[in-house]
Amino acid sequence: MSERLCRILQCDLPIQLAPMGSVSSSARLPSAVAAAGAHGMYPGLALPPSALAPILDTLASATAAFGVNFIVPFMDPASLTAAIERAPYVDFFLADPDTRLVERVHTGDRACGWQVESVEEARAAEAAGCDVVIAKAWESGGRKRIEGPTLLALLDGVLDAVDVPVVAAGGIATSRGVAAVLAAGADGVRVGTRFIAAAESDAHPAWVEAVIAANAEEAVVSTVFNAGLAEPGPHRVLRGSIEAAEALADTQAGVIRVAGLELPVPRFSPQPPTRESTGTIAAMPFYAGQSAGAVRAVQPAAEIVAELATGVAGAT
């Protein structure tokens, strides 16, 4: 087990919840993951500070083992300030590592990470001053910048390239997966798809059911869900949601409610559905990684963390 990563993240286990929009639209899932000894991440996305700050205040009142992730092209700069004031850890994705952003986080005496998809990006993140590098591989769900390498190939290169703690992400959903990447040298793991089916997840039940029913081959990389984005890119989603969106005659799939906000969801919007979303839910993106085939049932987050933690013990 990597004690240096756990010191930085202020958690007991080197297991980190991936920041997933709509899966964590409230503080419930990150709080539950942190209470189980792991590290909870909240997705800052494009939330304004008025919506983000109350959620972070709730998290801060419960635990120090949490952080906020920002997808840089979507980020509200004022929300970054709110996060630095409240969260012990902040990380970034979907942009080149930026020394100015890292320094802003460090000025608040917070730890900073960057999610990367290549060895070159990992080197740049360390050079920018990051305390942690997250190696996000091709198997992972959600949005991507490049068609990058698979997890073990990416991890091997990143471990050779940097000295800071490295968190492995992509295709990890079982204790065996955890044990494998820790044995390969990772300091910790970032797990997303498995927690879509956590009892505390805010994902819409139809999304949860689809992930449980899916196999690895049904989680495909697409460019369909890019409507309204200034910087469209590839993303891994379940094939069924692509088919439903393509078959939808309406220009709007429905409405989503997240962090107290009610937002329209156009056809092909990148916004996945929360529990409270309405409309043609099946036509909204059901993001999932290739680990979807390992998700078998809805379980409490603490139970998922405990199962994954047996892989930590197996790797030591």
Protein backbone atom coordinates (compact mmCIF):
# COMPACT_ATOMS: atom_id res chain seq x y z
CA MET A 1 0.00 0.00 0.00
CA SER A 2 1.27 3.47 -0.85
CA GLU A 3 1.55 5.43 2.34
CA ARG A 4 2.76 8.54 0.51
CA LEU A 5 -0.45 8.72 -1.55
CA CYS A 6 -2.63 8.18 1.51
CA ARG A 7 -0.77 10.96 3.33
CA ILE A 8 -1.43 13.37 0.47
CA LEU A 9 -5.10 12.40 0.14
CA GLN A 10 -5.66 12.03 3.91
CA CYS A 11 -7.29 8.62 3.56
CA ASP A 12 -6.62 5.11 4.87
CA LEU A 13 -6.86 3.18 1.60
CA PRO A 14 -5.22 3.96 -1.78
CA ILE A 15 -8.63 3.77 -3.47
CA GLN A 16 -10.13 6.89 -5.01
CA LEU A 17 -13.64 7.46 -6.31
CA ALA A 18 -13.52 8.79 -9.87
CA PRO A 19 -15.23 12.18 -10.29
CA MET A 20 -18.32 11.40 -12.35
CA GLY A 21 -20.92 13.96 -13.34
CA SER A 22 -24.47 12.96 -12.35
CA VAL A 23 -23.18 9.92 -10.41
CA SER A 24 -22.04 12.39 -7.74
CA SER A 25 -24.47 15.25 -8.17
CA SER A 26 -24.67 15.52 -4.36
CA ALA A 27 -22.20 14.91 -1.54
CA ARG A 28 -23.73 11.53 -0.77
CA LEU A 29 -21.44 9.18 -2.73
CA PRO A 30 -18.09 10.93 -2.06
CA SER A 31 -19.00 11.10 1.63
CA ALA A 32 -19.83 7.39 1.77
CA VAL A 33 -16.59 6.44 0.01
CA ALA A 34 -14.54 8.60 2.38
CA ALA A 35 -16.35 7.20 5.43
CA ALA A 36 -15.31 3.72 4.28
CA GLY A 37 -11.62 4.71 4.37
CA ALA A 38 -11.08 5.58 0.71
CA HIS A 39 -10.94 8.98 -1.02
CA GLY A 40 -14.04 10.69 -2.43
CA MET A 41 -13.85 12.92 -5.50
CA TYR A 42 -16.54 15.40 -6.53
CA PRO A 43 -16.95 16.55 -10.17
CA GLY A 44 -16.78 20.35 -10.37
CA LEU A 45 -17.58 20.38 -14.11
CA ALA A 46 -19.16 23.73 -15.07
CA LEU A 47 -21.01 24.28 -11.78
CA PRO A 48 -21.12 27.90 -10.59
CA PRO A 49 -19.81 28.58 -7.08
CA SER A 50 -23.35 29.07 -5.75
CA ALA A 51 -24.09 25.42 -6.59
CA LEU A 52 -20.66 23.93 -5.85
CA ALA A 53 -19.82 25.62 -2.53
CA PRO A 54 -22.70 24.15 -0.44
CA ILE A 55 -21.81 20.62 -1.56
CA LEU A 56 -18.15 21.14 -0.68
CA ASP A 57 -19.14 22.60 2.69
CA THR A 58 -21.13 19.43 3.36
CA LEU A 59 -18.16 17.26 2.42
CA ALA A 60 -15.71 19.34 4.46
CA SER A 61 -17.91 19.02 7.54
CA ALA A 62 -17.77 15.23 7.23
CA THR A 63 -14.24 14.36 6.10
CA ALA A 64 -10.81 15.57 4.96
CA ALA A 65 -10.53 12.65 2.53
CA PHE A 66 -12.12 14.34 -0.47
CA GLY A 67 -11.23 16.44 -3.46
CA VAL A 68 -12.67 18.23 -6.49
CA ASN A 69 -11.95 17.56 -10.14
CA PHE A 70 -12.30 20.17 -12.86
CA ILE A 71 -12.53 19.50 -16.59
CA VAL A 72 -10.58 22.59 -17.58
CA PRO A 73 -12.54 23.65 -20.71
CA PHE A 74 -15.78 23.61 -18.65
CA MET A 75 -14.39 25.16 -15.46
CA ASP A 76 -15.85 28.29 -13.87
CA PRO A 77 -12.77 30.14 -12.49
CA ALA A 78 -14.79 31.35 -9.49
CA SER A 79 -15.68 27.74 -8.72
CA LEU A 80 -11.99 26.86 -8.64
CA THR A 81 -11.54 29.54 -5.98
CA ALA A 82 -14.44 28.05 -4.00
CA ALA A 83 -12.88 24.61 -4.26
CA ILE A 84 -9.45 25.77 -3.13
CA GLU A 85 -11.06 27.41 -0.11
CA ARG A 86 -12.83 24.18 0.90
CA ALA A 87 -11.24 21.03 -0.53
CA PRO A 88 -7.91 19.56 0.65
CA TYR A 89 -7.19 18.26 -2.86
CA VAL A 90 -7.96 19.54 -6.39
CA ASP A 91 -7.17 17.93 -9.72
CA PHE A 92 -7.69 18.71 -13.41
CA PHE A 93 -8.35 16.98 -16.73
CA LEU A 94 -8.82 17.55 -20.47
CA ALA A 95 -6.13 20.20 -20.82
CA ASP A 96 -2.36 20.41 -20.94
CA PRO A 97 -0.88 20.59 -17.44
CA ASP A 98 -0.79 24.26 -16.45
CA THR A 99 1.73 25.54 -13.91
CA ARG A 100 -0.50 28.54 -13.15
CA LEU A 101 -3.42 26.33 -12.10
CA VAL A 102 -1.16 24.13 -9.98
CA GLU A 103 0.33 27.18 -8.28
CA ARG A 104 -3.15 28.52 -7.53
CA VAL A 105 -4.02 25.28 -5.77
CA HIS A 106 -0.72 25.26 -3.87
CA THR A 107 -1.20 28.89 -2.83
CA GLY A 108 -4.24 27.68 -0.91
CA ASP A 109 -2.02 25.04 0.74
CA ARG A 110 -3.90 22.28 -1.08
CA ALA A 111 -2.57 19.21 -2.88
CA CYS A 112 -2.90 19.14 -6.65
CA GLY A 113 -3.17 16.38 -9.24
CA TRP A 114 -3.59 16.05 -12.99
CA GLN A 115 -5.31 13.28 -14.90
CA VAL A 116 -3.20 12.29 -17.90
CA GLU A 117 -3.48 9.94 -20.88
CA SER A 118 0.13 9.77 -22.07
CA VAL A 119 3.66 9.59 -20.73
CA GLU A 120 4.43 13.03 -22.14
CA GLU A 121 1.45 14.50 -20.32
CA ALA A 122 2.57 12.83 -17.08
CA ARG A 123 6.02 14.40 -17.37
CA ALA A 124 4.41 17.78 -17.99
CA ALA A 125 2.18 17.36 -14.93
CA GLU A 126 5.15 16.65 -12.69
CA ALA A 127 7.08 19.55 -14.22
CA ALA A 128 4.09 21.83 -13.51
CA GLY A 129 4.39 20.94 -9.82
CA CYS A 130 1.63 18.36 -9.37
CA ASP A 131 1.71 16.24 -6.23
CA VAL A 132 -0.16 13.34 -7.87
CA VAL A 133 -0.54 12.03 -11.42
CA ILE A 134 -3.60 10.00 -12.43
CA ALA A 135 -2.92 7.70 -15.39
CA LYS A 136 -6.30 7.41 -17.16
CA ALA A 137 -6.20 4.62 -19.71
CA TRP A 138 -8.17 3.80 -22.85
CA GLU A 139 -10.41 1.29 -21.02
CA SER A 140 -11.87 4.05 -18.87
CA GLY A 141 -15.35 5.47 -19.21
CA GLY A 142 -16.25 9.07 -19.86
CA ARG A 143 -14.43 11.72 -21.84
CA LYS A 144 -10.99 11.48 -23.43
CA ARG A 145 -8.50 13.69 -25.25
CA ILE A 146 -6.67 11.06 -27.28
CA GLU A 147 -6.77 7.44 -28.35
CA GLY A 148 -4.28 6.46 -25.71
CA PRO A 149 -2.68 3.22 -24.53
CA THR A 150 -4.28 0.53 -22.40
CA LEU A 151 -3.80 0.67 -18.66
CA LEU A 152 -0.77 -1.53 -18.08
CA ALA A 153 1.11 0.00 -21.00
CA LEU A 154 0.30 3.55 -19.85
CA LEU A 155 1.08 2.76 -16.23
CA ASP A 156 4.43 1.21 -17.10
CA GLY A 157 5.48 4.29 -19.03
CA VAL A 158 4.23 6.80 -16.48
CA LEU A 159 5.92 5.01 -13.58
CA ASP A 160 9.23 5.24 -15.44
CA ALA A 161 8.65 8.91 -16.25
CA VAL A 162 7.71 10.51 -12.91
CA ASP A 163 8.62 10.32 -9.23
CA VAL A 164 5.35 11.60 -7.74
CA PRO A 165 2.62 9.12 -6.69
CA VAL A 166 0.75 7.59 -9.63
CA VAL A 167 -2.90 6.58 -9.48
CA ALA A 168 -4.07 4.03 -12.07
CA ALA A 169 -7.48 4.54 -13.70
CA GLY A 170 -9.37 2.61 -16.36
CA GLY A 171 -10.95 -0.83 -16.31
CA ILE A 172 -10.52 -1.40 -12.55
CA ALA A 173 -13.63 -2.69 -10.78
CA THR A 174 -12.59 -5.74 -8.76
CA SER A 175 -10.14 -6.68 -6.02
CA ARG A 176 -8.13 -8.59 -8.62
CA GLY A 177 -7.80 -5.45 -10.72
CA VAL A 178 -6.70 -3.45 -7.70
CA ALA A 179 -4.11 -6.05 -6.74
CA ALA A 180 -2.78 -6.22 -10.30
CA VAL A 181 -2.12 -2.51 -10.77
CA LEU A 182 -0.70 -2.07 -7.28
CA ALA A 183 1.62 -5.03 -7.90
CA ALA A 184 2.62 -3.33 -11.16
CA GLY A 185 3.78 -0.31 -9.18
CA ALA A 186 0.83 2.08 -8.98
CA ASP A 187 0.46 3.99 -5.72
CA GLY A 188 -3.32 3.75 -5.84
CA VAL A 189 -6.38 3.20 -8.01
CA ARG A 190 -9.18 5.44 -9.24
CA VAL A 191 -12.44 3.54 -9.71
CA GLY A 192 -15.47 4.93 -11.54
CA THR A 193 -17.81 2.50 -13.29
CA ARG A 194 -18.18 0.20 -10.28
CA PHE A 195 -19.53 3.11 -8.20
CA ILE A 196 -22.21 4.00 -10.75
CA ALA A 197 -24.08 1.10 -9.14
CA ALA A 198 -23.40 2.19 -5.54
CA ALA A 199 -26.52 2.57 -3.40
CA GLU A 200 -25.48 6.20 -2.81
CA SER A 201 -25.00 6.95 -6.52
CA ASP A 202 -27.07 9.77 -7.98
CA ALA A 203 -27.11 8.10 -11.42
CA HIS A 204 -30.54 7.47 -12.92
CA PRO A 205 -31.80 3.90 -12.24
CA ALA A 206 -31.97 3.19 -15.99
CA TRP A 207 -28.25 4.02 -16.29
CA VAL A 208 -27.45 1.81 -13.30
CA GLU A 209 -29.45 -1.07 -14.75
CA ALA A 210 -27.74 -0.69 -18.12
CA VAL A 211 -24.27 -0.82 -16.54
CA ILE A 212 -25.16 -3.94 -14.56
CA ALA A 213 -26.50 -5.63 -17.70
CA ALA A 214 -23.57 -4.61 -19.93
CA ASN A 215 -20.41 -6.44 -20.82
CA ALA A 216 -17.04 -4.94 -21.69
CA GLU A 217 -17.75 -4.97 -25.44
CA GLU A 218 -20.85 -2.79 -25.02
CA ALA A 219 -18.79 0.10 -23.60
CA VAL A 220 -17.61 1.76 -26.81
CA VAL A 221 -15.75 4.94 -27.72
CA SER A 222 -17.91 7.42 -29.63
CA THR A 223 -18.06 11.08 -30.66
CA VAL A 224 -21.88 11.26 -30.57
CA PHE A 225 -22.44 13.11 -27.29
CA ASN A 226 -20.71 16.41 -28.06
CA ALA A 227 -23.62 18.80 -28.66
CA GLY A 228 -22.84 22.33 -27.49
CA LEU A 229 -19.19 21.69 -26.67
CA ALA A 230 -16.56 24.13 -27.87
CA GLU A 231 -13.98 21.33 -27.69
CA PRO A 232 -15.73 18.08 -28.72
CA GLY A 233 -13.90 14.85 -28.12
CA PRO A 234 -14.19 11.07 -27.85
CA HIS A 235 -15.92 9.40 -24.91
CA ARG A 236 -16.71 5.86 -23.82
CA VAL A 237 -20.41 5.14 -23.36
CA LEU A 238 -22.74 2.17 -23.55
CA ARG A 239 -23.73 1.39 -27.14
CA GLY A 240 -27.44 1.36 -26.27
CA SER A 241 -27.44 5.06 -25.36
CA ILE A 242 -25.89 5.93 -28.73
CA GLU A 243 -28.55 3.95 -30.54
CA ALA A 244 -31.34 5.57 -28.52
CA ALA A 245 -30.00 9.07 -29.13
CA GLU A 246 -29.67 8.45 -32.86
CA ALA A 247 -33.26 7.15 -32.98
CA LEU A 248 -34.68 10.11 -31.03
CA ALA A 249 -36.87 12.37 -33.17
CA ASP A 250 -37.02 15.25 -30.67
CA THR A 251 -34.31 17.89 -30.42
CA GLN A 252 -34.40 17.61 -26.62
CA ALA A 253 -33.82 14.41 -24.67
CA GLY A 254 -35.15 15.79 -21.40
CA VAL A 255 -34.26 17.71 -18.26
CA ILE A 256 -31.56 17.05 -15.67
CA ARG A 257 -31.45 18.25 -12.07
CA VAL A 258 -27.99 18.56 -10.52
CA ALA A 259 -26.71 20.50 -7.49
CA GLY A 260 -30.00 22.39 -7.21
CA LEU A 261 -29.98 23.39 -10.89
CA GLU A 262 -32.48 22.33 -13.54
CA LEU A 263 -30.92 22.10 -17.00
CA PRO A 264 -32.32 21.14 -20.42
CA VAL A 265 -30.63 18.18 -22.09
CA PRO A 266 -30.56 18.56 -25.89
CA ARG A 267 -30.28 15.51 -28.10
CA PHE A 268 -26.61 14.39 -28.14
CA SER A 269 -25.82 16.48 -25.03
CA PRO A 270 -22.80 15.26 -23.02
CA GLN A 271 -24.85 15.47 -19.81
CA PRO A 272 -25.77 12.07 -18.31
CA PRO A 273 -28.98 11.58 -16.28
CA THR A 274 -29.34 11.90 -12.51
CA ARG A 275 -31.97 10.12 -10.40
CA GLU A 276 -34.28 13.10 -10.85
CA SER A 277 -33.85 13.54 -14.60
CA THR A 278 -36.94 13.32 -16.79
CA GLY A 279 -37.51 12.74 -20.49
CA THR A 280 -36.08 10.09 -22.79
CA ILE A 281 -33.50 8.85 -20.32
CA ALA A 282 -32.20 6.08 -22.59
CA ALA A 283 -31.10 8.72 -25.14
CA MET A 284 -28.82 10.47 -22.63
CA PRO A 285 -25.20 9.27 -22.41
CA PHE A 286 -24.67 6.24 -20.20
CA TYR A 287 -20.93 6.62 -19.64
CA ALA A 288 -19.15 3.43 -18.61
CA GLY A 289 -15.72 1.89 -18.83
CA GLN A 290 -14.84 -1.59 -20.03
CA SER A 291 -15.08 -2.71 -16.42
CA ALA A 292 -18.87 -2.60 -16.83
CA GLY A 293 -18.84 -6.38 -17.21
CA ALA A 294 -17.64 -6.69 -13.62
CA VAL A 295 -20.54 -4.68 -12.14
CA ARG A 296 -23.15 -7.21 -11.01
CA ALA A 297 -25.48 -5.51 -8.54
CA VAL A 298 -26.26 -2.36 -6.58
CA GLN A 299 -24.22 -2.34 -3.36
CA PRO A 300 -23.54 0.19 -0.59
CA ALA A 301 -20.37 2.18 -1.28
CA ALA A 302 -18.81 0.86 1.93
CA GLU A 303 -19.29 -2.71 0.69
CA ILE A 304 -17.68 -1.88 -2.66
CA VAL A 305 -14.71 -0.21 -0.93
CA ALA A 306 -14.29 -3.19 1.44
CA GLU A 307 -14.25 -5.60 -1.50
CA LEU A 308 -11.74 -3.51 -3.45
CA ALA A 309 -9.60 -3.20 -0.31
CA THR A 310 -8.99 -6.96 -0.29
CA GLY A 311 -6.96 -6.31 -3.44
CA VAL A 312 -4.86 -3.81 -1.51
CA ALA A 313 -4.05 -6.46 1.07
CA GLY A 314 -3.32 -8.96 -1.70
CA ALA A 315 -0.77 -6.63 -3.29
CA THR A 316 1.26 -6.06 -0.10
